[in-house]
Amino acid sequence: MSSHKEHIQDVTIQAAVFTVSTTRTTSDDESGKMILSSLAKADAPVVQYQIIPDEREAIRNALEGALSSSNCIIFTGGTGLTPDDVTIEAVCPYFGKTVEGFGELFRHLSYEEIGTRSLLSRAVAGTIRNRVIFCIPGSLPAVTLAMEKLIIPELKHILTHIGAQRKKQE
């Protein structure tokens, strides 16, 4: 019988990354580049990367498209409190389950770095049909925190628990 740790190591990752912004481009998207780099270091192939506008329809279309090719979908940006920040409103209605601890822990760790400003973050994670979706702020420090302290360390574990496809044995 194999151990729990072996099953975690066997999971296949297919990631999609979306930067939600009307001002960033692929050349100046430092947060998106950081996510791509973190996933590459974790041997998590990115099958889609795109910058999309701060519009509910565009965000929903990106999510729906990514669900067919990815089991890890990361949105960065559009999670604040301004009227233009609609990532949470676009994505959360699709969640089958919410990963409550992700947002709680993100804000806790963020508080240690930026103090009470962390309460403005609406970072969330949830699952949709054996896939995990993360919505994180767009600032480079927030993305670095989310990727290095939360997403990368627990990604395979989360995917294992939600029933993501395992690697084929050779």
N, C-alpha and C. Protein backbone atom coordinates (compact mmCIF):
# COMPACT_ATOMS: atom_id res chain seq x y z
N MET A 1 0.84 -1.18 0.00
CA MET A 1 0.00 0.00 0.00
C MET A 1 0.88 1.25 0.00
N SER A 2 0.55 2.22 -0.82
CA SER A 2 1.39 3.41 -0.92
C SER A 2 0.99 4.44 0.13
N SER A 3 1.94 5.29 0.46
CA SER A 3 1.69 6.29 1.49
C SER A 3 0.97 7.51 0.92
N HIS A 4 0.44 8.32 1.82
CA HIS A 4 -0.24 9.57 1.45
C HIS A 4 0.72 10.48 0.68
N LYS A 5 1.98 10.55 1.12
CA LYS A 5 2.97 11.41 0.48
C LYS A 5 3.23 10.98 -0.96
N GLU A 6 3.27 9.68 -1.22
CA GLU A 6 3.49 9.19 -2.58
C GLU A 6 2.36 9.62 -3.50
N HIS A 7 1.14 9.58 -3.02
CA HIS A 7 0.01 10.00 -3.84
C HIS A 7 0.10 11.48 -4.17
N ILE A 8 0.55 12.28 -3.23
CA ILE A 8 0.69 13.71 -3.47
C ILE A 8 1.72 13.96 -4.56
N GLN A 9 2.81 13.21 -4.55
CA GLN A 9 3.86 13.39 -5.55
C GLN A 9 3.41 12.94 -6.94
N ASP A 10 2.40 12.11 -7.03
CA ASP A 10 1.96 11.56 -8.31
C ASP A 10 0.98 12.43 -9.09
N VAL A 11 0.51 13.51 -8.51
CA VAL A 11 -0.53 14.30 -9.15
C VAL A 11 0.03 15.09 -10.34
N THR A 12 -0.76 15.17 -11.38
CA THR A 12 -0.40 15.93 -12.57
C THR A 12 -0.93 17.36 -12.44
N ILE A 13 -0.08 18.34 -12.70
CA ILE A 13 -0.51 19.74 -12.63
C ILE A 13 -0.52 20.33 -14.04
N GLN A 14 -1.61 21.00 -14.35
CA GLN A 14 -1.76 21.78 -15.59
C GLN A 14 -2.30 23.14 -15.14
N ALA A 15 -1.50 24.18 -15.24
CA ALA A 15 -1.88 25.48 -14.69
C ALA A 15 -2.28 26.49 -15.77
N ALA A 16 -3.17 27.37 -15.38
CA ALA A 16 -3.54 28.53 -16.19
C ALA A 16 -3.37 29.76 -15.30
N VAL A 17 -2.81 30.81 -15.87
CA VAL A 17 -2.53 32.03 -15.12
C VAL A 17 -3.16 33.21 -15.85
N PHE A 18 -3.93 33.99 -15.11
CA PHE A 18 -4.59 35.17 -15.69
C PHE A 18 -4.27 36.40 -14.85
N THR A 19 -3.73 37.41 -15.49
CA THR A 19 -3.54 38.70 -14.84
C THR A 19 -4.73 39.56 -15.22
N VAL A 20 -5.45 40.03 -14.23
CA VAL A 20 -6.64 40.85 -14.46
C VAL A 20 -6.21 42.31 -14.37
N SER A 21 -6.19 42.98 -15.51
CA SER A 21 -5.73 44.36 -15.55
C SER A 21 -6.08 45.00 -16.89
N THR A 22 -6.37 46.28 -16.85
CA THR A 22 -6.58 47.02 -18.10
C THR A 22 -5.35 47.85 -18.45
N THR A 23 -4.31 47.80 -17.61
CA THR A 23 -3.11 48.60 -17.87
C THR A 23 -1.85 47.78 -18.10
N ARG A 24 -1.80 46.57 -17.62
CA ARG A 24 -0.58 45.77 -17.77
C ARG A 24 -0.51 45.10 -19.14
N THR A 25 0.73 44.85 -19.55
CA THR A 25 1.00 44.09 -20.77
C THR A 25 1.92 42.93 -20.40
N THR A 26 2.13 42.01 -21.30
CA THR A 26 3.00 40.87 -21.00
C THR A 26 4.43 41.32 -20.70
N SER A 27 4.84 42.47 -21.24
CA SER A 27 6.21 42.94 -20.99
C SER A 27 6.37 43.55 -19.60
N ASP A 28 5.33 44.11 -19.02
CA ASP A 28 5.47 44.74 -17.70
C ASP A 28 4.66 44.04 -16.61
N ASP A 29 4.22 42.84 -16.86
CA ASP A 29 3.43 42.08 -15.88
C ASP A 29 4.36 41.32 -14.94
N GLU A 30 4.94 42.03 -13.98
CA GLU A 30 5.88 41.41 -13.04
C GLU A 30 5.21 40.35 -12.18
N SER A 31 3.98 40.59 -11.77
CA SER A 31 3.28 39.60 -10.94
C SER A 31 3.01 38.32 -11.72
N GLY A 32 2.55 38.46 -12.95
CA GLY A 32 2.32 37.29 -13.80
C GLY A 32 3.60 36.51 -14.03
N LYS A 33 4.70 37.24 -14.28
CA LYS A 33 5.99 36.59 -14.50
C LYS A 33 6.44 35.83 -13.26
N MET A 34 6.17 36.40 -12.08
CA MET A 34 6.56 35.73 -10.84
C MET A 34 5.78 34.43 -10.67
N ILE A 35 4.50 34.46 -10.99
CA ILE A 35 3.67 33.24 -10.90
C ILE A 35 4.20 32.19 -11.87
N LEU A 36 4.48 32.59 -13.10
CA LEU A 36 5.00 31.65 -14.09
C LEU A 36 6.32 31.03 -13.63
N SER A 37 7.20 31.86 -13.08
CA SER A 37 8.49 31.38 -12.59
C SER A 37 8.31 30.41 -11.42
N SER A 38 7.43 30.73 -10.50
CA SER A 38 7.19 29.85 -9.35
C SER A 38 6.65 28.50 -9.79
N LEU A 39 5.72 28.53 -10.73
CA LEU A 39 5.15 27.27 -11.22
C LEU A 39 6.20 26.45 -11.97
N ALA A 40 7.05 27.11 -12.75
CA ALA A 40 8.10 26.40 -13.47
C ALA A 40 9.06 25.72 -12.50
N LYS A 41 9.45 26.42 -11.44
CA LYS A 41 10.36 25.85 -10.44
C LYS A 41 9.72 24.67 -9.72
N ALA A 42 8.39 24.67 -9.63
CA ALA A 42 7.67 23.59 -8.96
C ALA A 42 7.29 22.47 -9.93
N ASP A 43 7.82 22.51 -11.15
CA ASP A 43 7.51 21.51 -12.17
C ASP A 43 6.01 21.42 -12.41
N ALA A 44 5.39 22.60 -12.52
CA ALA A 44 3.95 22.71 -12.78
C ALA A 44 3.76 23.42 -14.12
N PRO A 45 3.55 22.68 -15.18
CA PRO A 45 3.43 23.28 -16.51
C PRO A 45 2.27 24.28 -16.61
N VAL A 46 2.55 25.40 -17.25
CA VAL A 46 1.52 26.41 -17.51
C VAL A 46 1.05 26.22 -18.94
N VAL A 47 -0.22 25.89 -19.09
CA VAL A 47 -0.78 25.65 -20.42
C VAL A 47 -1.44 26.89 -20.99
N GLN A 48 -1.65 27.90 -20.14
CA GLN A 48 -2.27 29.14 -20.61
C GLN A 48 -1.85 30.29 -19.71
N TYR A 49 -1.47 31.40 -20.34
CA TYR A 49 -1.17 32.65 -19.63
C TYR A 49 -1.75 33.78 -20.46
N GLN A 50 -2.48 34.65 -19.79
CA GLN A 50 -3.15 35.71 -20.53
C GLN A 50 -3.43 36.90 -19.60
N ILE A 51 -3.39 38.08 -20.17
CA ILE A 51 -3.84 39.27 -19.46
C ILE A 51 -5.25 39.56 -19.95
N ILE A 52 -6.15 39.72 -18.99
CA ILE A 52 -7.55 39.95 -19.33
C ILE A 52 -8.03 41.23 -18.63
N PRO A 53 -9.01 41.91 -19.21
CA PRO A 53 -9.49 43.16 -18.60
C PRO A 53 -10.31 42.93 -17.33
N ASP A 54 -10.40 43.98 -16.52
CA ASP A 54 -11.20 43.96 -15.29
C ASP A 54 -12.69 44.00 -15.63
N GLU A 55 -13.17 42.95 -16.24
CA GLU A 55 -14.59 42.86 -16.64
C GLU A 55 -15.09 41.47 -16.30
N ARG A 56 -16.26 41.41 -15.66
CA ARG A 56 -16.80 40.12 -15.23
C ARG A 56 -16.88 39.11 -16.37
N GLU A 57 -17.39 39.54 -17.49
CA GLU A 57 -17.56 38.62 -18.63
C GLU A 57 -16.22 38.05 -19.10
N ALA A 58 -15.21 38.91 -19.19
CA ALA A 58 -13.88 38.45 -19.63
C ALA A 58 -13.29 37.46 -18.62
N ILE A 59 -13.48 37.74 -17.34
CA ILE A 59 -12.96 36.86 -16.29
C ILE A 59 -13.69 35.52 -16.32
N ARG A 60 -15.00 35.56 -16.44
CA ARG A 60 -15.77 34.30 -16.52
C ARG A 60 -15.41 33.49 -17.75
N ASN A 61 -15.24 34.16 -18.88
CA ASN A 61 -14.85 33.44 -20.10
C ASN A 61 -13.49 32.78 -19.93
N ALA A 62 -12.55 33.49 -19.30
CA ALA A 62 -11.22 32.92 -19.06
C ALA A 62 -11.33 31.70 -18.15
N LEU A 63 -12.11 31.82 -17.09
CA LEU A 63 -12.31 30.70 -16.16
C LEU A 63 -12.91 29.51 -16.87
N GLU A 64 -13.99 29.72 -17.59
CA GLU A 64 -14.67 28.62 -18.26
C GLU A 64 -13.76 27.95 -19.28
N GLY A 65 -12.97 28.72 -20.01
CA GLY A 65 -12.04 28.15 -20.97
C GLY A 65 -10.95 27.34 -20.30
N ALA A 66 -10.42 27.85 -19.19
CA ALA A 66 -9.33 27.18 -18.49
C ALA A 66 -9.77 25.89 -17.82
N LEU A 67 -11.03 25.78 -17.46
CA LEU A 67 -11.50 24.56 -16.80
C LEU A 67 -11.35 23.32 -17.68
N SER A 68 -11.30 23.50 -18.99
CA SER A 68 -11.16 22.35 -19.88
C SER A 68 -9.72 21.88 -20.04
N SER A 69 -8.74 22.72 -19.66
CA SER A 69 -7.35 22.34 -19.87
C SER A 69 -6.49 22.37 -18.62
N SER A 70 -6.99 22.92 -17.53
CA SER A 70 -6.17 23.15 -16.34
C SER A 70 -6.85 22.65 -15.08
N ASN A 71 -6.01 22.22 -14.12
CA ASN A 71 -6.56 21.86 -12.81
C ASN A 71 -6.10 22.82 -11.72
N CYS A 72 -5.29 23.79 -12.10
CA CYS A 72 -4.87 24.87 -11.20
C CYS A 72 -5.00 26.17 -11.98
N ILE A 73 -5.90 27.03 -11.53
CA ILE A 73 -6.15 28.29 -12.22
C ILE A 73 -5.88 29.43 -11.24
N ILE A 74 -5.00 30.33 -11.64
CA ILE A 74 -4.62 31.44 -10.77
C ILE A 74 -4.99 32.76 -11.44
N PHE A 75 -5.78 33.55 -10.74
CA PHE A 75 -6.10 34.91 -11.15
C PHE A 75 -5.33 35.86 -10.24
N THR A 76 -4.63 36.81 -10.81
CA THR A 76 -3.97 37.84 -10.01
C THR A 76 -4.50 39.20 -10.43
N GLY A 77 -4.92 39.96 -9.45
CA GLY A 77 -5.49 41.29 -9.71
C GLY A 77 -7.00 41.28 -9.61
N GLY A 78 -7.55 42.47 -9.40
CA GLY A 78 -8.99 42.62 -9.34
C GLY A 78 -9.63 42.11 -8.07
N THR A 79 -8.84 42.00 -6.99
CA THR A 79 -9.37 41.45 -5.75
C THR A 79 -9.56 42.49 -4.65
N GLY A 80 -9.35 43.75 -4.97
CA GLY A 80 -9.46 44.81 -3.96
C GLY A 80 -10.89 45.30 -3.80
N LEU A 81 -11.00 46.52 -3.35
CA LEU A 81 -12.31 47.09 -3.02
C LEU A 81 -12.79 48.18 -3.99
N THR A 82 -12.00 48.52 -5.00
CA THR A 82 -12.45 49.56 -5.92
C THR A 82 -13.60 49.04 -6.79
N PRO A 83 -14.38 49.92 -7.37
CA PRO A 83 -15.48 49.47 -8.24
C PRO A 83 -15.01 48.60 -9.42
N ASP A 84 -13.77 48.80 -9.87
CA ASP A 84 -13.24 48.00 -10.98
C ASP A 84 -12.81 46.59 -10.57
N ASP A 85 -12.66 46.34 -9.29
CA ASP A 85 -12.20 45.04 -8.80
C ASP A 85 -13.36 44.05 -8.75
N VAL A 86 -13.46 43.21 -9.80
CA VAL A 86 -14.60 42.30 -9.91
C VAL A 86 -14.20 40.83 -10.06
N THR A 87 -12.93 40.51 -9.84
CA THR A 87 -12.50 39.12 -9.97
C THR A 87 -13.27 38.21 -9.02
N ILE A 88 -13.41 38.62 -7.79
CA ILE A 88 -14.09 37.79 -6.80
C ILE A 88 -15.55 37.56 -7.20
N GLU A 89 -16.22 38.63 -7.60
CA GLU A 89 -17.63 38.52 -8.00
C GLU A 89 -17.81 37.64 -9.24
N ALA A 90 -16.82 37.64 -10.12
CA ALA A 90 -16.91 36.84 -11.34
C ALA A 90 -16.63 35.36 -11.08
N VAL A 91 -15.70 35.06 -10.19
CA VAL A 91 -15.23 33.69 -10.00
C VAL A 91 -15.98 32.92 -8.91
N CYS A 92 -16.18 33.54 -7.76
CA CYS A 92 -16.73 32.82 -6.60
C CYS A 92 -18.07 32.12 -6.83
N PRO A 93 -18.99 32.67 -7.63
CA PRO A 93 -20.25 31.95 -7.82
C PRO A 93 -20.08 30.56 -8.45
N TYR A 94 -18.94 30.30 -9.07
CA TYR A 94 -18.69 29.00 -9.69
C TYR A 94 -18.14 27.97 -8.71
N PHE A 95 -17.67 28.40 -7.55
CA PHE A 95 -17.05 27.47 -6.61
C PHE A 95 -18.03 26.41 -6.14
N GLY A 96 -17.57 25.15 -6.19
CA GLY A 96 -18.31 24.07 -5.55
C GLY A 96 -18.02 24.10 -4.05
N LYS A 97 -16.76 24.36 -3.72
CA LYS A 97 -16.33 24.50 -2.33
C LYS A 97 -15.35 25.67 -2.26
N THR A 98 -15.38 26.36 -1.13
CA THR A 98 -14.43 27.43 -0.88
C THR A 98 -13.36 26.91 0.06
N VAL A 99 -12.11 27.23 -0.23
CA VAL A 99 -10.99 26.85 0.64
C VAL A 99 -10.80 28.02 1.61
N GLU A 100 -11.61 28.03 2.65
CA GLU A 100 -11.65 29.15 3.60
C GLU A 100 -10.28 29.50 4.17
N GLY A 101 -9.52 28.50 4.49
CA GLY A 101 -8.22 28.74 5.12
C GLY A 101 -7.26 29.52 4.25
N PHE A 102 -7.39 29.43 2.93
CA PHE A 102 -6.47 30.15 2.06
C PHE A 102 -6.56 31.66 2.29
N GLY A 103 -7.75 32.21 2.20
CA GLY A 103 -7.91 33.65 2.39
C GLY A 103 -7.55 34.08 3.80
N GLU A 104 -7.95 33.26 4.78
CA GLU A 104 -7.64 33.58 6.17
C GLU A 104 -6.13 33.62 6.40
N LEU A 105 -5.45 32.59 5.92
CA LEU A 105 -4.01 32.51 6.13
C LEU A 105 -3.27 33.57 5.31
N PHE A 106 -3.74 33.83 4.10
CA PHE A 106 -3.12 34.89 3.28
C PHE A 106 -3.19 36.23 4.02
N ARG A 107 -4.36 36.57 4.54
CA ARG A 107 -4.50 37.85 5.25
C ARG A 107 -3.67 37.88 6.53
N HIS A 108 -3.57 36.74 7.22
CA HIS A 108 -2.75 36.67 8.42
C HIS A 108 -1.28 36.94 8.08
N LEU A 109 -0.77 36.24 7.08
CA LEU A 109 0.62 36.44 6.68
C LEU A 109 0.85 37.84 6.13
N SER A 110 -0.12 38.34 5.40
CA SER A 110 -0.03 39.69 4.86
C SER A 110 -0.01 40.73 5.98
N TYR A 111 -0.80 40.48 7.01
CA TYR A 111 -0.82 41.38 8.17
C TYR A 111 0.57 41.51 8.78
N GLU A 112 1.29 40.40 8.82
CA GLU A 112 2.65 40.43 9.37
C GLU A 112 3.57 41.31 8.54
N GLU A 113 3.26 41.49 7.25
CA GLU A 113 4.09 42.30 6.36
C GLU A 113 3.61 43.74 6.24
N ILE A 114 2.26 43.94 6.15
CA ILE A 114 1.77 45.29 5.85
C ILE A 114 0.79 45.83 6.89
N GLY A 115 0.57 45.08 7.95
CA GLY A 115 -0.32 45.55 9.00
C GLY A 115 -1.78 45.51 8.61
N THR A 116 -2.54 46.45 9.14
CA THR A 116 -3.99 46.42 8.98
C THR A 116 -4.46 46.65 7.53
N ARG A 117 -3.60 47.10 6.66
CA ARG A 117 -3.98 47.22 5.24
C ARG A 117 -4.37 45.86 4.66
N SER A 118 -3.94 44.79 5.29
CA SER A 118 -4.25 43.45 4.80
C SER A 118 -5.75 43.17 4.80
N LEU A 119 -6.52 43.88 5.61
CA LEU A 119 -7.96 43.63 5.64
C LEU A 119 -8.65 44.03 4.34
N LEU A 120 -7.99 44.82 3.50
CA LEU A 120 -8.56 45.19 2.21
C LEU A 120 -8.48 44.06 1.18
N SER A 121 -7.70 43.02 1.47
CA SER A 121 -7.55 41.91 0.54
C SER A 121 -8.75 40.98 0.59
N ARG A 122 -9.20 40.60 -0.57
CA ARG A 122 -10.27 39.61 -0.66
C ARG A 122 -9.76 38.32 -1.30
N ALA A 123 -8.50 38.00 -1.10
CA ALA A 123 -7.92 36.78 -1.67
C ALA A 123 -8.77 35.58 -1.28
N VAL A 124 -9.05 34.72 -2.25
CA VAL A 124 -9.85 33.52 -2.02
C VAL A 124 -9.32 32.36 -2.85
N ALA A 125 -9.74 31.17 -2.46
CA ALA A 125 -9.49 29.97 -3.25
C ALA A 125 -10.72 29.10 -3.15
N GLY A 126 -10.93 28.31 -4.18
CA GLY A 126 -12.06 27.39 -4.17
C GLY A 126 -11.84 26.30 -5.19
N THR A 127 -12.79 25.38 -5.24
CA THR A 127 -12.69 24.27 -6.18
C THR A 127 -13.90 24.26 -7.11
N ILE A 128 -13.62 23.81 -8.30
CA ILE A 128 -14.65 23.59 -9.31
C ILE A 128 -14.29 22.28 -10.03
N ARG A 129 -15.13 21.27 -9.92
CA ARG A 129 -14.93 20.00 -10.65
C ARG A 129 -13.48 19.51 -10.64
N ASN A 130 -12.94 19.18 -9.50
CA ASN A 130 -11.60 18.62 -9.36
C ASN A 130 -10.49 19.58 -9.81
N ARG A 131 -10.77 20.88 -9.73
CA ARG A 131 -9.78 21.89 -10.07
C ARG A 131 -9.74 22.91 -8.93
N VAL A 132 -8.58 23.51 -8.72
CA VAL A 132 -8.46 24.53 -7.69
C VAL A 132 -8.24 25.88 -8.36
N ILE A 133 -8.90 26.89 -7.83
CA ILE A 133 -8.83 28.24 -8.37
C ILE A 133 -8.37 29.15 -7.25
N PHE A 134 -7.35 29.96 -7.52
CA PHE A 134 -6.84 30.94 -6.58
C PHE A 134 -7.07 32.33 -7.16
N CYS A 135 -7.57 33.24 -6.35
CA CYS A 135 -7.71 34.65 -6.73
C CYS A 135 -6.88 35.44 -5.73
N ILE A 136 -5.80 36.04 -6.23
CA ILE A 136 -4.87 36.74 -5.35
C ILE A 136 -4.67 38.17 -5.82
N PRO A 137 -4.27 39.05 -4.91
CA PRO A 137 -4.02 40.44 -5.31
C PRO A 137 -2.97 40.53 -6.42
N GLY A 138 -2.91 41.69 -7.04
CA GLY A 138 -2.00 41.87 -8.17
C GLY A 138 -0.64 42.44 -7.84
N SER A 139 -0.43 42.90 -6.61
CA SER A 139 0.88 43.48 -6.29
C SER A 139 1.93 42.38 -6.21
N LEU A 140 3.14 42.70 -6.61
CA LEU A 140 4.22 41.71 -6.60
C LEU A 140 4.49 41.15 -5.20
N PRO A 141 4.51 41.97 -4.14
CA PRO A 141 4.70 41.37 -2.81
C PRO A 141 3.58 40.40 -2.43
N ALA A 142 2.35 40.72 -2.77
CA ALA A 142 1.22 39.83 -2.45
C ALA A 142 1.32 38.53 -3.24
N VAL A 143 1.68 38.62 -4.50
CA VAL A 143 1.81 37.43 -5.34
C VAL A 143 2.95 36.55 -4.82
N THR A 144 4.05 37.18 -4.47
CA THR A 144 5.20 36.42 -3.93
C THR A 144 4.80 35.70 -2.66
N LEU A 145 4.12 36.39 -1.77
CA LEU A 145 3.64 35.77 -0.53
C LEU A 145 2.73 34.58 -0.83
N ALA A 146 1.74 34.78 -1.68
CA ALA A 146 0.78 33.72 -1.98
C ALA A 146 1.46 32.51 -2.62
N MET A 147 2.33 32.76 -3.58
CA MET A 147 2.97 31.65 -4.29
C MET A 147 3.96 30.90 -3.39
N GLU A 148 4.84 31.65 -2.71
CA GLU A 148 5.91 31.00 -1.95
C GLU A 148 5.44 30.39 -0.64
N LYS A 149 4.48 31.00 0.02
CA LYS A 149 4.10 30.52 1.35
C LYS A 149 2.85 29.65 1.35
N LEU A 150 2.01 29.76 0.32
CA LEU A 150 0.74 29.03 0.34
C LEU A 150 0.52 28.13 -0.86
N ILE A 151 0.53 28.69 -2.05
CA ILE A 151 0.12 27.93 -3.24
C ILE A 151 1.11 26.81 -3.57
N ILE A 152 2.36 27.14 -3.79
CA ILE A 152 3.34 26.12 -4.18
C ILE A 152 3.49 25.04 -3.10
N PRO A 153 3.62 25.41 -1.81
CA PRO A 153 3.78 24.34 -0.80
C PRO A 153 2.59 23.38 -0.70
N GLU A 154 1.39 23.83 -1.03
CA GLU A 154 0.20 22.98 -0.83
C GLU A 154 -0.51 22.56 -2.11
N LEU A 155 -0.02 22.99 -3.26
CA LEU A 155 -0.74 22.74 -4.51
C LEU A 155 -0.99 21.25 -4.78
N LYS A 156 0.03 20.44 -4.73
CA LYS A 156 -0.15 19.01 -5.00
C LYS A 156 -1.05 18.36 -3.95
N HIS A 157 -0.93 18.81 -2.72
CA HIS A 157 -1.76 18.28 -1.64
C HIS A 157 -3.23 18.60 -1.90
N ILE A 158 -3.50 19.85 -2.27
CA ILE A 158 -4.89 20.25 -2.57
C ILE A 158 -5.43 19.44 -3.75
N LEU A 159 -4.63 19.35 -4.82
CA LEU A 159 -5.08 18.61 -6.00
C LEU A 159 -5.35 17.15 -5.69
N THR A 160 -4.54 16.57 -4.83
CA THR A 160 -4.77 15.18 -4.41
C THR A 160 -6.11 15.04 -3.71
N HIS A 161 -6.39 15.96 -2.80
CA HIS A 161 -7.63 15.88 -2.02
C HIS A 161 -8.87 16.11 -2.85
N ILE A 162 -8.77 16.92 -3.90
CA ILE A 162 -9.97 17.20 -4.69
C ILE A 162 -10.13 16.22 -5.85
N GLY A 163 -9.21 15.26 -5.95
CA GLY A 163 -9.36 14.21 -6.94
C GLY A 163 -8.81 14.52 -8.31
N ALA A 164 -7.77 15.35 -8.36
CA ALA A 164 -7.14 15.64 -9.65
C ALA A 164 -6.51 14.36 -10.21
N GLN A 165 -6.39 14.32 -11.51
CA GLN A 165 -5.83 13.15 -12.18
C GLN A 165 -4.39 12.93 -11.75
N ARG A 166 -4.06 11.67 -11.50
CA ARG A 166 -2.71 11.30 -11.13
C ARG A 166 -1.90 11.02 -12.38
N LYS A 167 -0.57 11.15 -12.25
CA LYS A 167 0.33 10.85 -13.37
C LYS A 167 0.19 9.39 -13.73
N LYS A 168 0.33 9.11 -15.01
CA LYS A 168 0.27 7.73 -15.48
C LYS A 168 1.58 7.03 -15.12
N GLN A 169 1.46 5.81 -14.63
CA GLN A 169 2.64 5.01 -14.28
C GLN A 169 3.23 4.42 -15.54
N GLU A 170 4.55 4.46 -15.64
CA GLU A 170 5.22 3.91 -16.83
C GLU A 170 5.73 2.53 -16.59
